[in-house]
Amino acid sequence: MSEKTTVTKRFDDLLEANRAFADNFALGGFDGVARKGVAVVTCMDSRIDPLGMLGLEPGDAKIFRNPGGRVDSSALEALVLGVHLLNVDRIVIAPHTRCAMASSSEQELREQVGASAGEDASWVHFHAIDDQRAALAQDVASVRSHPLVPDSVAVGGFIYDVDTGLLEQLF
């Protein structure tokens, strides 16, 4: 069996699930704007359901995910586009409890990745978060002060609790 065949077979369950999903697909033709005017920046952690935690449905919000749920340059780019082109007038920045990015140091992350990869990872910057509350305050401030995000856009900073499902607004 070729390597491509082996790799392809590893996706069979996902493709089967996709076919079942497509059988009842109801979002075709949607224009892609955020119907509820919401953009969410959160972590890539699989314990987070960004739409579900806010009572939203597909099409209601723009979602941007990255390790730690930080507002980096890519997130800012997405938010500016969302505000000006995709109906966004509320921005939720929501990192979460028990986040690996906030509970590990940069050195620990490098060591863990290096051990898993069997390669030196000392040169990679993973953007570990020393103080999650301070990082969230900084992220909220960077969005609120961005020259292309008008004051009419509401920007909130929240912590999502992965054990209770609750959001706590901090900023």
N, C-alpha and C. Protein backbone atom coordinates (compact mmCIF):
# COMPACT_ATOMS: atom_id res chain seq x y z
N MET A 1 0.85 -1.17 0.00
CA MET A 1 0.00 0.00 0.00
C MET A 1 0.90 1.24 0.00
N SER A 2 0.60 2.22 -0.85
CA SER A 2 1.42 3.42 -0.95
C SER A 2 1.21 4.32 0.27
N GLU A 3 2.17 5.22 0.47
CA GLU A 3 2.06 6.16 1.59
C GLU A 3 0.82 7.03 1.45
N LYS A 4 0.53 7.47 0.22
CA LYS A 4 -0.65 8.31 -0.02
C LYS A 4 -1.92 7.56 0.33
N THR A 5 -2.02 6.29 -0.04
CA THR A 5 -3.19 5.49 0.28
C THR A 5 -3.34 5.35 1.79
N THR A 6 -2.23 5.10 2.48
CA THR A 6 -2.26 4.97 3.93
C THR A 6 -2.73 6.27 4.58
N VAL A 7 -2.18 7.39 4.12
CA VAL A 7 -2.57 8.69 4.67
C VAL A 7 -4.04 8.96 4.36
N THR A 8 -4.45 8.71 3.14
CA THR A 8 -5.84 8.95 2.75
C THR A 8 -6.80 8.14 3.61
N LYS A 9 -6.48 6.89 3.88
CA LYS A 9 -7.36 6.04 4.69
C LYS A 9 -7.54 6.58 6.11
N ARG A 10 -6.56 7.32 6.59
CA ARG A 10 -6.65 7.89 7.94
C ARG A 10 -7.73 8.97 8.02
N PHE A 11 -8.24 9.39 6.89
CA PHE A 11 -9.29 10.41 6.86
C PHE A 11 -10.66 9.83 6.50
N ASP A 12 -10.74 8.53 6.31
CA ASP A 12 -11.99 7.90 5.88
C ASP A 12 -13.14 8.19 6.83
N ASP A 13 -12.91 8.11 8.14
CA ASP A 13 -14.00 8.36 9.09
C ASP A 13 -14.50 9.80 8.99
N LEU A 14 -13.57 10.73 8.76
CA LEU A 14 -13.96 12.13 8.64
C LEU A 14 -14.74 12.39 7.36
N LEU A 15 -14.31 11.77 6.28
CA LEU A 15 -15.02 11.94 5.01
C LEU A 15 -16.41 11.32 5.08
N GLU A 16 -16.52 10.20 5.75
CA GLU A 16 -17.84 9.58 5.93
C GLU A 16 -18.76 10.49 6.74
N ALA A 17 -18.22 11.06 7.81
CA ALA A 17 -19.00 11.99 8.63
C ALA A 17 -19.37 13.23 7.82
N ASN A 18 -18.47 13.67 6.97
CA ASN A 18 -18.76 14.83 6.13
C ASN A 18 -19.91 14.56 5.17
N ARG A 19 -19.93 13.37 4.60
CA ARG A 19 -21.02 13.02 3.69
C ARG A 19 -22.36 13.04 4.43
N ALA A 20 -22.38 12.54 5.65
CA ALA A 20 -23.62 12.57 6.45
C ALA A 20 -24.00 14.01 6.76
N PHE A 21 -23.01 14.84 7.08
CA PHE A 21 -23.24 16.26 7.35
C PHE A 21 -23.83 16.93 6.11
N ALA A 22 -23.26 16.65 4.95
CA ALA A 22 -23.71 17.29 3.72
C ALA A 22 -25.12 16.87 3.33
N ASP A 23 -25.55 15.67 3.76
CA ASP A 23 -26.91 15.22 3.45
C ASP A 23 -27.97 16.17 4.00
N ASN A 24 -27.68 16.85 5.10
CA ASN A 24 -28.64 17.78 5.72
C ASN A 24 -28.11 19.20 5.77
N PHE A 25 -27.18 19.53 4.88
CA PHE A 25 -26.53 20.83 4.89
C PHE A 25 -27.52 21.94 4.56
N ALA A 26 -27.62 22.92 5.43
CA ALA A 26 -28.60 23.99 5.25
C ALA A 26 -27.98 25.38 5.15
N LEU A 27 -26.67 25.46 5.07
CA LEU A 27 -26.03 26.78 5.05
C LEU A 27 -25.60 27.21 3.65
N GLY A 28 -25.93 26.43 2.64
CA GLY A 28 -25.56 26.79 1.27
C GLY A 28 -26.17 28.11 0.87
N GLY A 29 -25.40 28.92 0.17
CA GLY A 29 -25.89 30.20 -0.32
C GLY A 29 -25.81 31.32 0.69
N PHE A 30 -25.44 31.03 1.93
CA PHE A 30 -25.33 32.06 2.95
C PHE A 30 -24.22 33.02 2.56
N ASP A 31 -24.40 34.31 2.84
CA ASP A 31 -23.45 35.32 2.39
C ASP A 31 -22.19 35.43 3.23
N GLY A 32 -22.10 34.78 4.37
CA GLY A 32 -20.88 34.76 5.17
C GLY A 32 -20.73 35.88 6.17
N VAL A 33 -21.69 36.80 6.26
CA VAL A 33 -21.60 37.83 7.29
C VAL A 33 -21.98 37.23 8.63
N ALA A 34 -21.58 37.89 9.69
CA ALA A 34 -21.93 37.44 11.04
C ALA A 34 -23.34 37.93 11.35
N ARG A 35 -24.32 37.06 11.25
CA ARG A 35 -25.73 37.46 11.40
C ARG A 35 -26.03 38.10 12.74
N LYS A 36 -25.34 37.69 13.80
CA LYS A 36 -25.56 38.28 15.13
C LYS A 36 -24.53 39.36 15.43
N GLY A 37 -23.65 39.68 14.46
CA GLY A 37 -22.69 40.75 14.63
C GLY A 37 -21.55 40.45 15.59
N VAL A 38 -21.27 39.17 15.83
CA VAL A 38 -20.30 38.77 16.84
C VAL A 38 -19.04 38.20 16.19
N ALA A 39 -17.89 38.55 16.76
CA ALA A 39 -16.62 37.89 16.44
C ALA A 39 -16.08 37.35 17.75
N VAL A 40 -15.50 36.16 17.71
CA VAL A 40 -14.94 35.53 18.90
C VAL A 40 -13.48 35.18 18.63
N VAL A 41 -12.62 35.59 19.56
CA VAL A 41 -11.23 35.15 19.54
C VAL A 41 -11.07 34.23 20.74
N THR A 42 -10.70 32.99 20.49
CA THR A 42 -10.54 32.03 21.59
C THR A 42 -9.43 31.04 21.25
N CYS A 43 -9.19 30.16 22.17
CA CYS A 43 -8.13 29.17 22.03
C CYS A 43 -8.55 28.04 21.09
N MET A 44 -7.57 27.33 20.60
CA MET A 44 -7.81 26.18 19.73
C MET A 44 -8.23 24.94 20.51
N ASP A 45 -8.28 25.04 21.83
CA ASP A 45 -8.60 23.91 22.69
C ASP A 45 -9.93 23.27 22.29
N SER A 46 -9.93 21.96 22.15
CA SER A 46 -11.13 21.24 21.70
C SER A 46 -12.24 21.19 22.74
N ARG A 47 -11.98 21.63 23.95
CA ARG A 47 -13.04 21.68 24.97
C ARG A 47 -13.93 22.90 24.80
N ILE A 48 -13.59 23.78 23.89
CA ILE A 48 -14.34 25.02 23.69
C ILE A 48 -15.22 24.90 22.46
N ASP A 49 -16.51 25.16 22.64
CA ASP A 49 -17.47 25.26 21.55
C ASP A 49 -17.83 26.74 21.45
N PRO A 50 -17.14 27.52 20.61
CA PRO A 50 -17.34 28.97 20.60
C PRO A 50 -18.77 29.40 20.33
N LEU A 51 -19.46 28.73 19.44
CA LEU A 51 -20.85 29.09 19.16
C LEU A 51 -21.76 28.66 20.31
N GLY A 52 -21.62 27.42 20.74
CA GLY A 52 -22.48 26.89 21.79
C GLY A 52 -22.38 27.67 23.09
N MET A 53 -21.17 28.09 23.46
CA MET A 53 -21.00 28.78 24.74
C MET A 53 -21.70 30.14 24.76
N LEU A 54 -22.03 30.65 23.58
CA LEU A 54 -22.71 31.95 23.49
C LEU A 54 -24.15 31.82 22.99
N GLY A 55 -24.63 30.59 22.85
CA GLY A 55 -25.99 30.38 22.37
C GLY A 55 -26.17 30.77 20.91
N LEU A 56 -25.11 30.65 20.13
CA LEU A 56 -25.15 31.03 18.73
C LEU A 56 -25.20 29.80 17.83
N GLU A 57 -25.52 30.03 16.58
CA GLU A 57 -25.61 28.98 15.56
C GLU A 57 -24.61 29.28 14.45
N PRO A 58 -24.31 28.29 13.61
CA PRO A 58 -23.44 28.57 12.46
C PRO A 58 -23.99 29.75 11.65
N GLY A 59 -23.10 30.64 11.29
CA GLY A 59 -23.49 31.83 10.54
C GLY A 59 -23.70 33.06 11.41
N ASP A 60 -23.80 32.87 12.72
CA ASP A 60 -24.05 34.00 13.62
C ASP A 60 -22.79 34.80 13.94
N ALA A 61 -21.62 34.16 13.88
CA ALA A 61 -20.40 34.81 14.35
C ALA A 61 -19.20 34.41 13.50
N LYS A 62 -18.19 35.24 13.58
CA LYS A 62 -16.88 34.94 13.01
C LYS A 62 -16.03 34.41 14.16
N ILE A 63 -15.31 33.33 13.92
CA ILE A 63 -14.52 32.67 14.96
C ILE A 63 -13.05 32.68 14.55
N PHE A 64 -12.18 33.11 15.47
CA PHE A 64 -10.74 33.07 15.24
C PHE A 64 -10.13 32.33 16.41
N ARG A 65 -9.40 31.26 16.10
CA ARG A 65 -8.81 30.44 17.15
C ARG A 65 -7.30 30.32 16.97
N ASN A 66 -6.60 30.34 18.09
CA ASN A 66 -5.16 30.11 18.08
C ASN A 66 -4.75 29.63 19.47
N PRO A 67 -3.52 29.14 19.63
CA PRO A 67 -3.09 28.68 20.96
C PRO A 67 -3.15 29.83 21.97
N GLY A 68 -3.92 29.65 23.02
CA GLY A 68 -4.03 30.66 24.06
C GLY A 68 -5.11 31.69 23.84
N GLY A 69 -5.72 31.73 22.67
CA GLY A 69 -6.78 32.69 22.41
C GLY A 69 -6.30 34.13 22.44
N ARG A 70 -5.09 34.36 21.96
CA ARG A 70 -4.48 35.69 21.99
C ARG A 70 -4.85 36.52 20.76
N VAL A 71 -4.87 37.82 20.96
CA VAL A 71 -5.07 38.75 19.85
C VAL A 71 -3.70 39.11 19.30
N ASP A 72 -3.25 38.32 18.32
CA ASP A 72 -1.98 38.59 17.65
C ASP A 72 -2.29 39.34 16.36
N SER A 73 -1.29 39.54 15.51
CA SER A 73 -1.50 40.32 14.29
C SER A 73 -2.52 39.65 13.36
N SER A 74 -2.54 38.34 13.31
CA SER A 74 -3.52 37.64 12.47
C SER A 74 -4.93 37.82 13.00
N ALA A 75 -5.08 37.75 14.31
CA ALA A 75 -6.40 37.97 14.91
C ALA A 75 -6.87 39.39 14.66
N LEU A 76 -5.98 40.37 14.83
CA LEU A 76 -6.35 41.76 14.56
C LEU A 76 -6.79 41.95 13.12
N GLU A 77 -6.07 41.32 12.21
CA GLU A 77 -6.45 41.39 10.79
C GLU A 77 -7.85 40.84 10.59
N ALA A 78 -8.13 39.69 11.18
CA ALA A 78 -9.45 39.08 11.05
C ALA A 78 -10.54 39.96 11.66
N LEU A 79 -10.25 40.56 12.80
CA LEU A 79 -11.23 41.43 13.46
C LEU A 79 -11.53 42.68 12.64
N VAL A 80 -10.50 43.29 12.08
CA VAL A 80 -10.71 44.48 11.24
C VAL A 80 -11.55 44.11 10.03
N LEU A 81 -11.24 43.01 9.38
CA LEU A 81 -12.05 42.56 8.25
C LEU A 81 -13.48 42.28 8.69
N GLY A 82 -13.64 41.63 9.83
CA GLY A 82 -14.97 41.34 10.34
C GLY A 82 -15.78 42.60 10.60
N VAL A 83 -15.15 43.59 11.20
CA VAL A 83 -15.84 44.84 11.51
C VAL A 83 -16.27 45.57 10.24
N HIS A 84 -15.39 45.62 9.25
CA HIS A 84 -15.68 46.44 8.08
C HIS A 84 -16.36 45.72 6.93
N LEU A 85 -16.26 44.40 6.91
CA LEU A 85 -16.83 43.68 5.77
C LEU A 85 -17.85 42.61 6.14
N LEU A 86 -17.92 42.23 7.42
CA LEU A 86 -18.70 41.05 7.77
C LEU A 86 -19.70 41.27 8.90
N ASN A 87 -20.10 42.52 9.13
CA ASN A 87 -21.19 42.84 10.05
C ASN A 87 -20.83 42.71 11.53
N VAL A 88 -19.56 42.65 11.89
CA VAL A 88 -19.18 42.49 13.29
C VAL A 88 -19.27 43.83 14.03
N ASP A 89 -20.02 43.83 15.13
CA ASP A 89 -20.08 45.02 15.99
C ASP A 89 -19.87 44.68 17.47
N ARG A 90 -19.61 43.38 17.74
CA ARG A 90 -19.27 42.93 19.10
C ARG A 90 -18.14 41.92 19.00
N ILE A 91 -17.13 42.12 19.83
CA ILE A 91 -15.97 41.23 19.82
C ILE A 91 -15.79 40.62 21.19
N VAL A 92 -15.78 39.30 21.24
CA VAL A 92 -15.57 38.53 22.46
C VAL A 92 -14.17 37.93 22.41
N ILE A 93 -13.34 38.30 23.37
CA ILE A 93 -12.01 37.71 23.49
C ILE A 93 -12.07 36.79 24.70
N ALA A 94 -11.90 35.49 24.47
CA ALA A 94 -12.18 34.52 25.53
C ALA A 94 -11.14 33.40 25.61
N PRO A 95 -10.02 33.64 26.29
CA PRO A 95 -9.15 32.52 26.63
C PRO A 95 -9.86 31.66 27.69
N HIS A 96 -9.20 30.62 28.18
CA HIS A 96 -9.91 29.70 29.06
C HIS A 96 -9.05 29.22 30.22
N THR A 97 -9.73 28.65 31.18
CA THR A 97 -9.05 28.06 32.33
C THR A 97 -8.29 26.81 31.89
N ARG A 98 -7.30 26.44 32.69
CA ARG A 98 -6.49 25.24 32.46
C ARG A 98 -5.91 25.18 31.06
N CYS A 99 -5.48 26.33 30.54
CA CYS A 99 -4.88 26.41 29.21
C CYS A 99 -3.40 26.05 29.29
N ALA A 100 -2.95 25.19 28.41
CA ALA A 100 -1.54 24.79 28.38
C ALA A 100 -0.63 25.98 28.12
N MET A 101 -1.11 26.94 27.36
CA MET A 101 -0.29 28.11 27.05
C MET A 101 -0.10 29.00 28.27
N ALA A 102 -1.01 28.92 29.23
CA ALA A 102 -0.93 29.75 30.43
C ALA A 102 -0.45 28.95 31.64
N SER A 103 -0.29 27.66 31.49
CA SER A 103 0.16 26.85 32.63
C SER A 103 1.53 26.23 32.40
N SER A 104 2.14 26.53 31.27
CA SER A 104 3.48 26.05 30.95
C SER A 104 4.35 27.25 30.59
N SER A 105 5.61 27.17 30.92
CA SER A 105 6.54 28.23 30.52
C SER A 105 6.97 28.00 29.08
N GLU A 106 7.56 29.00 28.51
CA GLU A 106 8.10 28.88 27.15
C GLU A 106 9.09 27.71 27.08
N GLN A 107 9.94 27.61 28.09
CA GLN A 107 10.95 26.54 28.12
C GLN A 107 10.27 25.17 28.22
N GLU A 108 9.26 25.05 29.07
CA GLU A 108 8.55 23.77 29.20
C GLU A 108 7.90 23.36 27.89
N LEU A 109 7.28 24.31 27.19
CA LEU A 109 6.66 24.01 25.90
C LEU A 109 7.71 23.55 24.89
N ARG A 110 8.83 24.23 24.87
CA ARG A 110 9.92 23.85 23.95
C ARG A 110 10.41 22.43 24.25
N GLU A 111 10.56 22.13 25.54
CA GLU A 111 11.03 20.79 25.93
C GLU A 111 10.01 19.72 25.56
N GLN A 112 8.73 19.99 25.81
CA GLN A 112 7.68 19.01 25.50
C GLN A 112 7.59 18.76 24.00
N VAL A 113 7.62 19.82 23.23
CA VAL A 113 7.54 19.67 21.77
C VAL A 113 8.80 18.99 21.25
N GLY A 114 9.95 19.40 21.75
CA GLY A 114 11.20 18.78 21.33
C GLY A 114 11.24 17.30 21.63
N ALA A 115 10.77 16.91 22.81
CA ALA A 115 10.74 15.49 23.17
C ALA A 115 9.78 14.72 22.26
N SER A 116 8.63 15.30 21.98
CA SER A 116 7.66 14.64 21.11
C SER A 116 8.17 14.52 19.68
N ALA A 117 8.84 15.58 19.21
CA ALA A 117 9.32 15.61 17.82
C ALA A 117 10.64 14.86 17.64
N GLY A 118 11.35 14.66 18.74
CA GLY A 118 12.68 14.09 18.62
C GLY A 118 13.65 15.06 17.96
N GLU A 119 13.34 16.33 18.04
CA GLU A 119 14.14 17.39 17.42
C GLU A 119 14.28 18.54 18.41
N ASP A 120 15.31 19.33 18.23
CA ASP A 120 15.52 20.52 19.04
C ASP A 120 14.44 21.55 18.71
N ALA A 121 13.71 21.99 19.71
CA ALA A 121 12.68 23.01 19.51
C ALA A 121 13.02 24.29 20.27
N SER A 122 14.27 24.43 20.68
CA SER A 122 14.66 25.60 21.48
C SER A 122 14.56 26.91 20.71
N TRP A 123 14.49 26.84 19.42
CA TRP A 123 14.44 28.03 18.57
C TRP A 123 13.02 28.53 18.29
N VAL A 124 12.01 27.72 18.66
CA VAL A 124 10.62 28.08 18.37
C VAL A 124 10.06 28.92 19.51
N HIS A 125 9.31 29.96 19.14
CA HIS A 125 8.64 30.79 20.16
C HIS A 125 7.16 30.41 20.16
N PHE A 126 6.68 29.88 21.28
CA PHE A 126 5.30 29.41 21.38
C PHE A 126 4.37 30.43 22.03
N HIS A 127 4.89 31.53 22.50
CA HIS A 127 4.09 32.60 23.10
C HIS A 127 3.35 32.14 24.36
N ALA A 128 4.09 31.49 25.25
CA ALA A 128 3.51 31.10 26.54
C ALA A 128 3.00 32.35 27.25
N ILE A 129 1.99 32.18 28.07
CA ILE A 129 1.33 33.31 28.74
C ILE A 129 1.68 33.26 30.22
N ASP A 130 2.44 34.25 30.67
CA ASP A 130 2.86 34.31 32.08
C ASP A 130 1.71 34.68 33.00
N ASP A 131 0.90 35.64 32.58
CA ASP A 131 -0.20 36.16 33.40
C ASP A 131 -1.42 36.30 32.49
N GLN A 132 -2.33 35.34 32.59
CA GLN A 132 -3.47 35.28 31.67
C GLN A 132 -4.36 36.53 31.78
N ARG A 133 -4.59 37.00 32.98
CA ARG A 133 -5.43 38.20 33.17
C ARG A 133 -4.77 39.42 32.52
N ALA A 134 -3.47 39.60 32.74
CA ALA A 134 -2.76 40.73 32.15
C ALA A 134 -2.73 40.62 30.63
N ALA A 135 -2.54 39.41 30.11
CA ALA A 135 -2.55 39.20 28.66
C ALA A 135 -3.91 39.54 28.07
N LEU A 136 -4.98 39.16 28.77
CA LEU A 136 -6.32 39.47 28.29
C LEU A 136 -6.56 40.97 28.30
N ALA A 137 -6.14 41.64 29.35
CA ALA A 137 -6.27 43.11 29.42
C ALA A 137 -5.54 43.76 28.25
N GLN A 138 -4.34 43.28 27.97
CA GLN A 138 -3.55 43.80 26.86
C GLN A 138 -4.25 43.56 25.52
N ASP A 139 -4.81 42.37 25.35
CA ASP A 139 -5.50 42.05 24.09
C ASP A 139 -6.73 42.91 23.89
N VAL A 140 -7.51 43.10 24.95
CA VAL A 140 -8.70 43.95 24.86
C VAL A 140 -8.28 45.37 24.50
N ALA A 141 -7.25 45.87 25.16
CA ALA A 141 -6.78 47.24 24.90
C ALA A 141 -6.27 47.38 23.47
N SER A 142 -5.59 46.35 22.95
CA SER A 142 -5.06 46.45 21.59
C SER A 142 -6.18 46.50 20.56
N VAL A 143 -7.28 45.80 20.81
CA VAL A 143 -8.42 45.85 19.88
C VAL A 143 -9.14 47.19 20.03
N ARG A 144 -9.41 47.59 21.26
CA ARG A 144 -10.12 48.86 21.48
C ARG A 144 -9.37 50.06 20.93
N SER A 145 -8.04 50.01 20.95
CA SER A 145 -7.25 51.15 20.49
C SER A 145 -6.84 51.06 19.02
N HIS A 146 -7.19 49.99 18.36
CA HIS A 146 -6.79 49.84 16.96
C HIS A 146 -7.48 50.92 16.12
N PRO A 147 -6.73 51.61 15.27
CA PRO A 147 -7.32 52.71 14.50
C PRO A 147 -8.42 52.28 13.53
N LEU A 148 -8.49 51.01 13.19
CA LEU A 148 -9.52 50.54 12.26
C LEU A 148 -10.67 49.82 12.95
N VAL A 149 -10.68 49.87 14.27
CA VAL A 149 -11.82 49.33 15.03
C VAL A 149 -12.50 50.53 15.71
N PRO A 150 -13.64 50.94 15.19
CA PRO A 150 -14.30 52.13 15.74
C PRO A 150 -14.83 51.92 17.17
N ASP A 151 -14.99 53.03 17.87
CA ASP A 151 -15.50 52.98 19.25
C ASP A 151 -16.90 52.38 19.33
N SER A 152 -17.62 52.35 18.23
CA SER A 152 -18.97 51.78 18.22
C SER A 152 -18.96 50.26 18.37
N VAL A 153 -17.81 49.65 18.20
CA VAL A 153 -17.69 48.19 18.34
C VAL A 153 -17.43 47.87 19.81
N ALA A 154 -18.27 47.04 20.39
CA ALA A 154 -18.10 46.61 21.78
C ALA A 154 -17.06 45.51 21.84
N VAL A 155 -16.08 45.66 22.72
CA VAL A 155 -15.00 44.68 22.87
C VAL A 155 -14.98 44.22 24.32
N GLY A 156 -15.17 42.93 24.55
CA GLY A 156 -15.18 42.39 25.91
C GLY A 156 -14.14 41.31 26.09
N GLY A 157 -13.57 41.27 27.30
CA GLY A 157 -12.59 40.25 27.65
C GLY A 157 -13.18 39.31 28.69
N PHE A 158 -13.16 38.03 28.41
CA PHE A 158 -13.80 37.02 29.23
C PHE A 158 -12.83 35.87 29.48
N ILE A 159 -13.06 35.12 30.53
CA ILE A 159 -12.37 33.84 30.74
C ILE A 159 -13.45 32.76 30.68
N TYR A 160 -13.23 31.76 29.85
CA TYR A 160 -14.15 30.63 29.74
C TYR A 160 -13.67 29.52 30.65
N ASP A 161 -14.55 29.03 31.50
CA ASP A 161 -14.20 27.95 32.42
C ASP A 161 -14.52 26.61 31.74
N VAL A 162 -13.49 25.84 31.43
CA VAL A 162 -13.69 24.58 30.72
C VAL A 162 -14.34 23.50 31.59
N ASP A 163 -14.44 23.75 32.89
CA ASP A 163 -15.07 22.77 33.77
C ASP A 163 -16.54 23.06 34.05
N THR A 164 -16.95 24.32 33.89
CA THR A 164 -18.35 24.67 34.16
C THR A 164 -19.10 25.14 32.90
N GLY A 165 -18.35 25.57 31.87
CA GLY A 165 -18.96 26.12 30.68
C GLY A 165 -19.34 27.59 30.81
N LEU A 166 -19.01 28.20 31.94
CA LEU A 166 -19.38 29.59 32.17
C LEU A 166 -18.31 30.57 31.70
N LEU A 167 -18.77 31.72 31.23
CA LEU A 167 -17.89 32.83 30.90
C LEU A 167 -17.92 33.83 32.04
N GLU A 168 -16.76 34.37 32.39
CA GLU A 168 -16.68 35.44 33.37
C GLU A 168 -16.11 36.65 32.65
N GLN A 169 -16.88 37.75 32.65
CA GLN A 169 -16.38 38.95 31.99
C GLN A 169 -15.43 39.68 32.92
N LEU A 170 -14.20 39.92 32.45
CA LEU A 170 -13.20 40.63 33.22
C LEU A 170 -13.00 42.05 32.72
N PHE A 171 -13.19 42.27 31.43
CA PHE A 171 -12.96 43.59 30.84
C PHE A 171 -14.04 43.92 29.83
